Amino acid sequence: MNTKQVADRLVELCRTGQNMQALDELYDNNIVSIERENAPNPRVEGKENVIKKSQQWYAMVEEFHKGEVSEPLIAGNHFTVTMNMDITMKESGRTLMEEVCVYEVKDGKIVKEEFFY
């Protein structure tokens, strides 16, 4: 898959609530995931570890009220989308999350993701 195809598939899966399938299907085994410095896991490497990080985050969510994913913006082997979520976290209550997600694609797989929020 080229970058646009990967981006379109990621958006399709995320819009239908299949985020974990997106990790399994589209991520390279050596993926690097970067969050802000004060996040619980600011840098995670390896597909298995990124999946574990995502499972831990989902375990903290009590309820999803609404989610939106923008159309991807493609630039070479990178693409970006915005993701907005209205969620209730088990420990901190209801919150609106807005983030810009930047992805790098190589050989048809996502090799790096970085989140700005």
N, C-alpha and C. Protein backbone atom coordinates (compact mmCIF):
# COMPACT_ATOMS: atom_id res chain seq x y z
N MET A 1 0.84 -1.18 0.00
CA MET A 1 0.00 0.00 0.00
C MET A 1 0.88 1.24 0.00
N ASN A 2 0.42 2.27 -0.68
CA ASN A 2 1.13 3.53 -0.63
C ASN A 2 0.62 4.36 0.57
N THR A 3 1.20 5.53 0.78
CA THR A 3 0.86 6.34 1.95
C THR A 3 -0.63 6.70 1.97
N LYS A 4 -1.18 7.09 0.83
CA LYS A 4 -2.60 7.45 0.79
C LYS A 4 -3.49 6.26 1.14
N GLN A 5 -3.16 5.10 0.64
CA GLN A 5 -3.96 3.91 0.94
C GLN A 5 -3.89 3.56 2.43
N VAL A 6 -2.70 3.66 3.01
CA VAL A 6 -2.55 3.40 4.45
C VAL A 6 -3.37 4.42 5.24
N ALA A 7 -3.26 5.70 4.86
CA ALA A 7 -3.99 6.76 5.55
C ALA A 7 -5.50 6.54 5.46
N ASP A 8 -5.98 6.24 4.26
CA ASP A 8 -7.42 6.02 4.08
C ASP A 8 -7.90 4.83 4.89
N ARG A 9 -7.12 3.78 4.94
CA ARG A 9 -7.51 2.59 5.71
C ARG A 9 -7.51 2.89 7.20
N LEU A 10 -6.52 3.64 7.68
CA LEU A 10 -6.49 4.00 9.10
C LEU A 10 -7.73 4.81 9.45
N VAL A 11 -8.06 5.79 8.65
CA VAL A 11 -9.25 6.61 8.90
C VAL A 11 -10.51 5.74 8.90
N GLU A 12 -10.62 4.87 7.91
CA GLU A 12 -11.79 3.98 7.83
C GLU A 12 -11.94 3.14 9.10
N LEU A 13 -10.85 2.53 9.54
CA LEU A 13 -10.90 1.68 10.73
C LEU A 13 -11.21 2.49 11.99
N CYS A 14 -10.57 3.64 12.13
CA CYS A 14 -10.80 4.47 13.33
C CYS A 14 -12.23 5.00 13.37
N ARG A 15 -12.77 5.36 12.23
CA ARG A 15 -14.14 5.88 12.19
C ARG A 15 -15.17 4.82 12.56
N THR A 16 -14.83 3.56 12.38
CA THR A 16 -15.76 2.48 12.71
C THR A 16 -15.40 1.80 14.03
N GLY A 17 -14.54 2.45 14.84
CA GLY A 17 -14.21 1.93 16.16
C GLY A 17 -13.29 0.73 16.16
N GLN A 18 -12.57 0.52 15.06
CA GLN A 18 -11.68 -0.63 14.95
C GLN A 18 -10.21 -0.21 15.09
N ASN A 19 -9.93 0.62 16.09
CA ASN A 19 -8.59 1.15 16.28
C ASN A 19 -7.56 0.05 16.55
N MET A 20 -7.94 -0.95 17.30
CA MET A 20 -6.99 -2.03 17.59
C MET A 20 -6.70 -2.84 16.33
N GLN A 21 -7.67 -3.02 15.47
CA GLN A 21 -7.43 -3.70 14.20
C GLN A 21 -6.47 -2.89 13.35
N ALA A 22 -6.59 -1.56 13.40
CA ALA A 22 -5.68 -0.69 12.66
C ALA A 22 -4.24 -0.93 13.10
N LEU A 23 -4.02 -1.05 14.40
CA LEU A 23 -2.67 -1.32 14.91
C LEU A 23 -2.15 -2.64 14.36
N ASP A 24 -2.99 -3.65 14.44
CA ASP A 24 -2.57 -4.98 13.99
C ASP A 24 -2.31 -5.02 12.49
N GLU A 25 -3.15 -4.38 11.73
CA GLU A 25 -3.10 -4.46 10.27
C GLU A 25 -2.08 -3.51 9.63
N LEU A 26 -1.95 -2.30 10.17
CA LEU A 26 -1.20 -1.25 9.48
C LEU A 26 0.15 -0.90 10.09
N TYR A 27 0.43 -1.36 11.29
CA TYR A 27 1.66 -0.96 11.97
C TYR A 27 2.80 -1.92 11.70
N ASP A 28 3.97 -1.35 11.50
CA ASP A 28 5.19 -2.12 11.33
C ASP A 28 5.58 -2.74 12.68
N ASN A 29 6.26 -3.86 12.66
CA ASN A 29 6.70 -4.49 13.91
C ASN A 29 7.62 -3.60 14.73
N ASN A 30 8.32 -2.68 14.09
CA ASN A 30 9.27 -1.79 14.78
C ASN A 30 8.73 -0.37 14.91
N ILE A 31 7.43 -0.22 14.99
CA ILE A 31 6.78 1.08 15.13
C ILE A 31 7.35 1.85 16.32
N VAL A 32 7.45 3.17 16.17
CA VAL A 32 7.81 4.06 17.27
C VAL A 32 6.61 4.97 17.49
N SER A 33 6.14 5.05 18.74
CA SER A 33 5.00 5.87 19.10
C SER A 33 5.46 6.93 20.10
N ILE A 34 5.17 8.19 19.77
CA ILE A 34 5.64 9.31 20.60
C ILE A 34 4.45 10.13 21.08
N GLU A 35 4.41 10.36 22.38
CA GLU A 35 3.40 11.22 23.02
C GLU A 35 4.14 12.41 23.63
N ARG A 36 3.40 13.30 24.27
CA ARG A 36 4.05 14.43 24.94
C ARG A 36 4.94 13.93 26.08
N GLU A 37 5.91 14.76 26.47
CA GLU A 37 6.92 14.34 27.45
C GLU A 37 6.35 13.89 28.78
N ASN A 38 5.28 14.53 29.25
CA ASN A 38 4.75 14.17 30.57
C ASN A 38 3.65 13.10 30.50
N ALA A 39 3.49 12.46 29.36
CA ALA A 39 2.53 11.36 29.23
C ALA A 39 3.06 10.13 29.96
N PRO A 40 2.17 9.22 30.36
CA PRO A 40 2.64 8.00 31.04
C PRO A 40 3.65 7.19 30.22
N ASN A 41 3.49 7.17 28.92
CA ASN A 41 4.40 6.44 28.03
C ASN A 41 4.83 7.37 26.90
N PRO A 42 5.79 8.27 27.16
CA PRO A 42 6.13 9.27 26.15
C PRO A 42 6.76 8.69 24.88
N ARG A 43 7.42 7.55 24.97
CA ARG A 43 8.00 6.91 23.79
C ARG A 43 7.91 5.40 23.97
N VAL A 44 7.26 4.77 23.01
CA VAL A 44 7.09 3.32 23.04
C VAL A 44 7.57 2.78 21.71
N GLU A 45 8.32 1.69 21.76
CA GLU A 45 8.85 1.08 20.55
C GLU A 45 8.41 -0.37 20.45
N GLY A 46 8.07 -0.78 19.23
CA GLY A 46 7.66 -2.15 18.96
C GLY A 46 6.15 -2.29 18.96
N LYS A 47 5.66 -3.04 18.00
CA LYS A 47 4.22 -3.22 17.81
C LYS A 47 3.53 -3.78 19.05
N GLU A 48 4.12 -4.80 19.65
CA GLU A 48 3.51 -5.40 20.84
C GLU A 48 3.38 -4.38 21.96
N ASN A 49 4.40 -3.55 22.15
CA ASN A 49 4.36 -2.54 23.21
C ASN A 49 3.36 -1.44 22.90
N VAL A 50 3.22 -1.06 21.65
CA VAL A 50 2.23 -0.05 21.26
C VAL A 50 0.82 -0.61 21.47
N ILE A 51 0.62 -1.86 21.16
CA ILE A 51 -0.68 -2.50 21.41
C ILE A 51 -0.98 -2.51 22.90
N LYS A 52 0.00 -2.86 23.73
CA LYS A 52 -0.19 -2.86 25.19
C LYS A 52 -0.52 -1.46 25.69
N LYS A 53 0.19 -0.44 25.18
CA LYS A 53 -0.07 0.94 25.58
C LYS A 53 -1.51 1.32 25.24
N SER A 54 -1.97 0.94 24.06
CA SER A 54 -3.34 1.26 23.64
C SER A 54 -4.36 0.52 24.50
N GLN A 55 -4.09 -0.73 24.81
CA GLN A 55 -5.00 -1.50 25.67
C GLN A 55 -5.10 -0.87 27.05
N GLN A 56 -3.98 -0.39 27.59
CA GLN A 56 -3.98 0.28 28.89
C GLN A 56 -4.83 1.55 28.84
N TRP A 57 -4.71 2.31 27.74
CA TRP A 57 -5.48 3.54 27.62
C TRP A 57 -6.97 3.21 27.55
N TYR A 58 -7.35 2.24 26.71
CA TYR A 58 -8.76 1.87 26.60
C TYR A 58 -9.32 1.38 27.93
N ALA A 59 -8.50 0.73 28.74
CA ALA A 59 -8.95 0.24 30.04
C ALA A 59 -9.28 1.40 30.99
N MET A 60 -8.73 2.58 30.73
CA MET A 60 -9.00 3.75 31.58
C MET A 60 -10.27 4.49 31.15
N VAL A 61 -10.83 4.13 30.00
CA VAL A 61 -12.01 4.80 29.48
C VAL A 61 -13.27 4.10 29.99
N GLU A 62 -14.15 4.90 30.57
CA GLU A 62 -15.42 4.36 31.04
C GLU A 62 -16.45 4.33 29.91
N GLU A 63 -16.49 5.42 29.11
CA GLU A 63 -17.50 5.49 28.05
C GLU A 63 -17.03 6.42 26.93
N PHE A 64 -17.29 6.00 25.70
CA PHE A 64 -17.07 6.84 24.52
C PHE A 64 -18.41 7.45 24.14
N HIS A 65 -18.45 8.77 24.08
CA HIS A 65 -19.68 9.46 23.72
C HIS A 65 -19.70 9.81 22.23
N LYS A 66 -18.56 10.24 21.74
CA LYS A 66 -18.48 10.66 20.35
C LYS A 66 -17.02 10.71 19.93
N GLY A 67 -16.76 10.39 18.66
CA GLY A 67 -15.41 10.50 18.13
C GLY A 67 -15.43 10.92 16.68
N GLU A 68 -14.46 11.70 16.28
CA GLU A 68 -14.36 12.15 14.90
C GLU A 68 -12.92 12.04 14.44
N VAL A 69 -12.74 11.64 13.19
CA VAL A 69 -11.42 11.56 12.57
C VAL A 69 -11.52 12.32 11.25
N SER A 70 -10.59 13.26 11.04
CA SER A 70 -10.62 14.06 9.82
C SER A 70 -10.15 13.25 8.61
N GLU A 71 -10.32 13.82 7.46
CA GLU A 71 -9.72 13.26 6.26
C GLU A 71 -8.20 13.42 6.38
N PRO A 72 -7.43 12.50 5.84
CA PRO A 72 -5.98 12.60 5.95
C PRO A 72 -5.41 13.67 5.01
N LEU A 73 -4.34 14.27 5.44
CA LEU A 73 -3.55 15.19 4.63
C LEU A 73 -2.22 14.49 4.37
N ILE A 74 -1.90 14.26 3.10
CA ILE A 74 -0.74 13.47 2.70
C ILE A 74 0.40 14.39 2.26
N ALA A 75 1.62 14.06 2.69
CA ALA A 75 2.82 14.76 2.23
C ALA A 75 3.94 13.72 2.13
N GLY A 76 4.22 13.27 0.92
CA GLY A 76 5.26 12.25 0.73
C GLY A 76 4.92 10.98 1.45
N ASN A 77 5.81 10.54 2.35
CA ASN A 77 5.55 9.31 3.10
C ASN A 77 5.00 9.60 4.50
N HIS A 78 4.46 10.81 4.68
CA HIS A 78 3.81 11.19 5.94
C HIS A 78 2.35 11.55 5.68
N PHE A 79 1.53 11.39 6.72
CA PHE A 79 0.17 11.91 6.67
C PHE A 79 -0.25 12.32 8.07
N THR A 80 -1.23 13.17 8.11
CA THR A 80 -1.74 13.64 9.39
C THR A 80 -3.26 13.62 9.38
N VAL A 81 -3.83 13.40 10.54
CA VAL A 81 -5.27 13.50 10.75
C VAL A 81 -5.49 14.18 12.11
N THR A 82 -6.66 14.76 12.27
CA THR A 82 -7.04 15.21 13.61
C THR A 82 -8.04 14.20 14.16
N MET A 83 -7.95 13.98 15.45
CA MET A 83 -8.90 13.09 16.14
C MET A 83 -9.47 13.86 17.31
N ASN A 84 -10.79 13.85 17.42
CA ASN A 84 -11.49 14.50 18.52
C ASN A 84 -12.38 13.46 19.18
N MET A 85 -12.31 13.39 20.51
CA MET A 85 -13.09 12.41 21.24
C MET A 85 -13.76 13.07 22.44
N ASP A 86 -15.01 12.72 22.64
CA ASP A 86 -15.75 13.08 23.84
C ASP A 86 -15.86 11.77 24.62
N ILE A 87 -15.13 11.69 25.73
CA ILE A 87 -15.06 10.44 26.49
C ILE A 87 -15.18 10.70 27.99
N THR A 88 -15.58 9.67 28.69
CA THR A 88 -15.55 9.70 30.15
C THR A 88 -14.46 8.75 30.61
N MET A 89 -13.48 9.32 31.32
CA MET A 89 -12.39 8.53 31.88
C MET A 89 -12.81 8.03 33.26
N LYS A 90 -12.42 6.83 33.62
CA LYS A 90 -12.82 6.24 34.90
C LYS A 90 -12.38 7.08 36.09
N GLU A 91 -11.20 7.66 36.02
CA GLU A 91 -10.65 8.38 37.18
C GLU A 91 -10.87 9.88 37.14
N SER A 92 -11.08 10.44 35.95
CA SER A 92 -11.12 11.91 35.88
C SER A 92 -12.40 12.48 35.28
N GLY A 93 -13.35 11.65 34.92
CA GLY A 93 -14.61 12.15 34.41
C GLY A 93 -14.60 12.44 32.92
N ARG A 94 -15.61 13.17 32.52
CA ARG A 94 -15.82 13.45 31.10
C ARG A 94 -14.86 14.53 30.61
N THR A 95 -14.33 14.31 29.40
CA THR A 95 -13.37 15.25 28.83
C THR A 95 -13.46 15.24 27.31
N LEU A 96 -13.06 16.34 26.72
CA LEU A 96 -12.94 16.43 25.27
C LEU A 96 -11.46 16.35 24.94
N MET A 97 -11.09 15.42 24.10
CA MET A 97 -9.69 15.29 23.68
C MET A 97 -9.60 15.70 22.22
N GLU A 98 -8.66 16.57 21.92
CA GLU A 98 -8.39 16.99 20.56
C GLU A 98 -6.91 16.79 20.30
N GLU A 99 -6.59 16.10 19.22
CA GLU A 99 -5.18 15.87 18.93
C GLU A 99 -4.91 15.86 17.44
N VAL A 100 -3.68 16.21 17.12
CA VAL A 100 -3.17 16.09 15.76
C VAL A 100 -2.27 14.86 15.77
N CYS A 101 -2.49 13.97 14.83
CA CYS A 101 -1.75 12.71 14.76
C CYS A 101 -0.93 12.73 13.47
N VAL A 102 0.37 12.51 13.59
CA VAL A 102 1.26 12.51 12.43
C VAL A 102 1.85 11.11 12.30
N TYR A 103 1.78 10.57 11.09
CA TYR A 103 2.23 9.20 10.83
C TYR A 103 3.28 9.19 9.72
N GLU A 104 4.23 8.27 9.84
CA GLU A 104 5.21 8.04 8.78
C GLU A 104 5.02 6.63 8.26
N VAL A 105 5.03 6.48 6.95
CA VAL A 105 4.80 5.19 6.30
C VAL A 105 6.04 4.77 5.52
N LYS A 106 6.39 3.50 5.65
CA LYS A 106 7.50 2.92 4.89
C LYS A 106 7.11 1.50 4.50
N ASP A 107 7.29 1.18 3.23
CA ASP A 107 6.97 -0.16 2.72
C ASP A 107 5.55 -0.60 3.08
N GLY A 108 4.60 0.34 3.01
CA GLY A 108 3.20 0.01 3.23
C GLY A 108 2.77 -0.15 4.66
N LYS A 109 3.62 0.22 5.62
CA LYS A 109 3.29 0.10 7.04
C LYS A 109 3.61 1.40 7.77
N ILE A 110 2.90 1.66 8.84
CA ILE A 110 3.19 2.82 9.67
C ILE A 110 4.38 2.50 10.55
N VAL A 111 5.45 3.30 10.43
CA VAL A 111 6.68 3.05 11.19
C VAL A 111 6.86 4.04 12.33
N LYS A 112 6.08 5.13 12.31
CA LYS A 112 6.17 6.12 13.38
C LYS A 112 4.84 6.86 13.49
N GLU A 113 4.45 7.11 14.73
CA GLU A 113 3.29 7.94 15.00
C GLU A 113 3.65 8.93 16.10
N GLU A 114 3.11 10.13 15.98
CA GLU A 114 3.37 11.14 17.00
C GLU A 114 2.08 11.93 17.22
N PHE A 115 1.77 12.15 18.49
CA PHE A 115 0.52 12.81 18.86
C PHE A 115 0.78 14.14 19.53
N PHE A 116 0.04 15.15 19.10
CA PHE A 116 0.12 16.50 19.66
C PHE A 116 -1.25 16.86 20.19
N TYR A 117 -1.32 17.15 21.51
CA TYR A 117 -2.60 17.49 22.13
C TYR A 117 -2.40 18.40 23.31
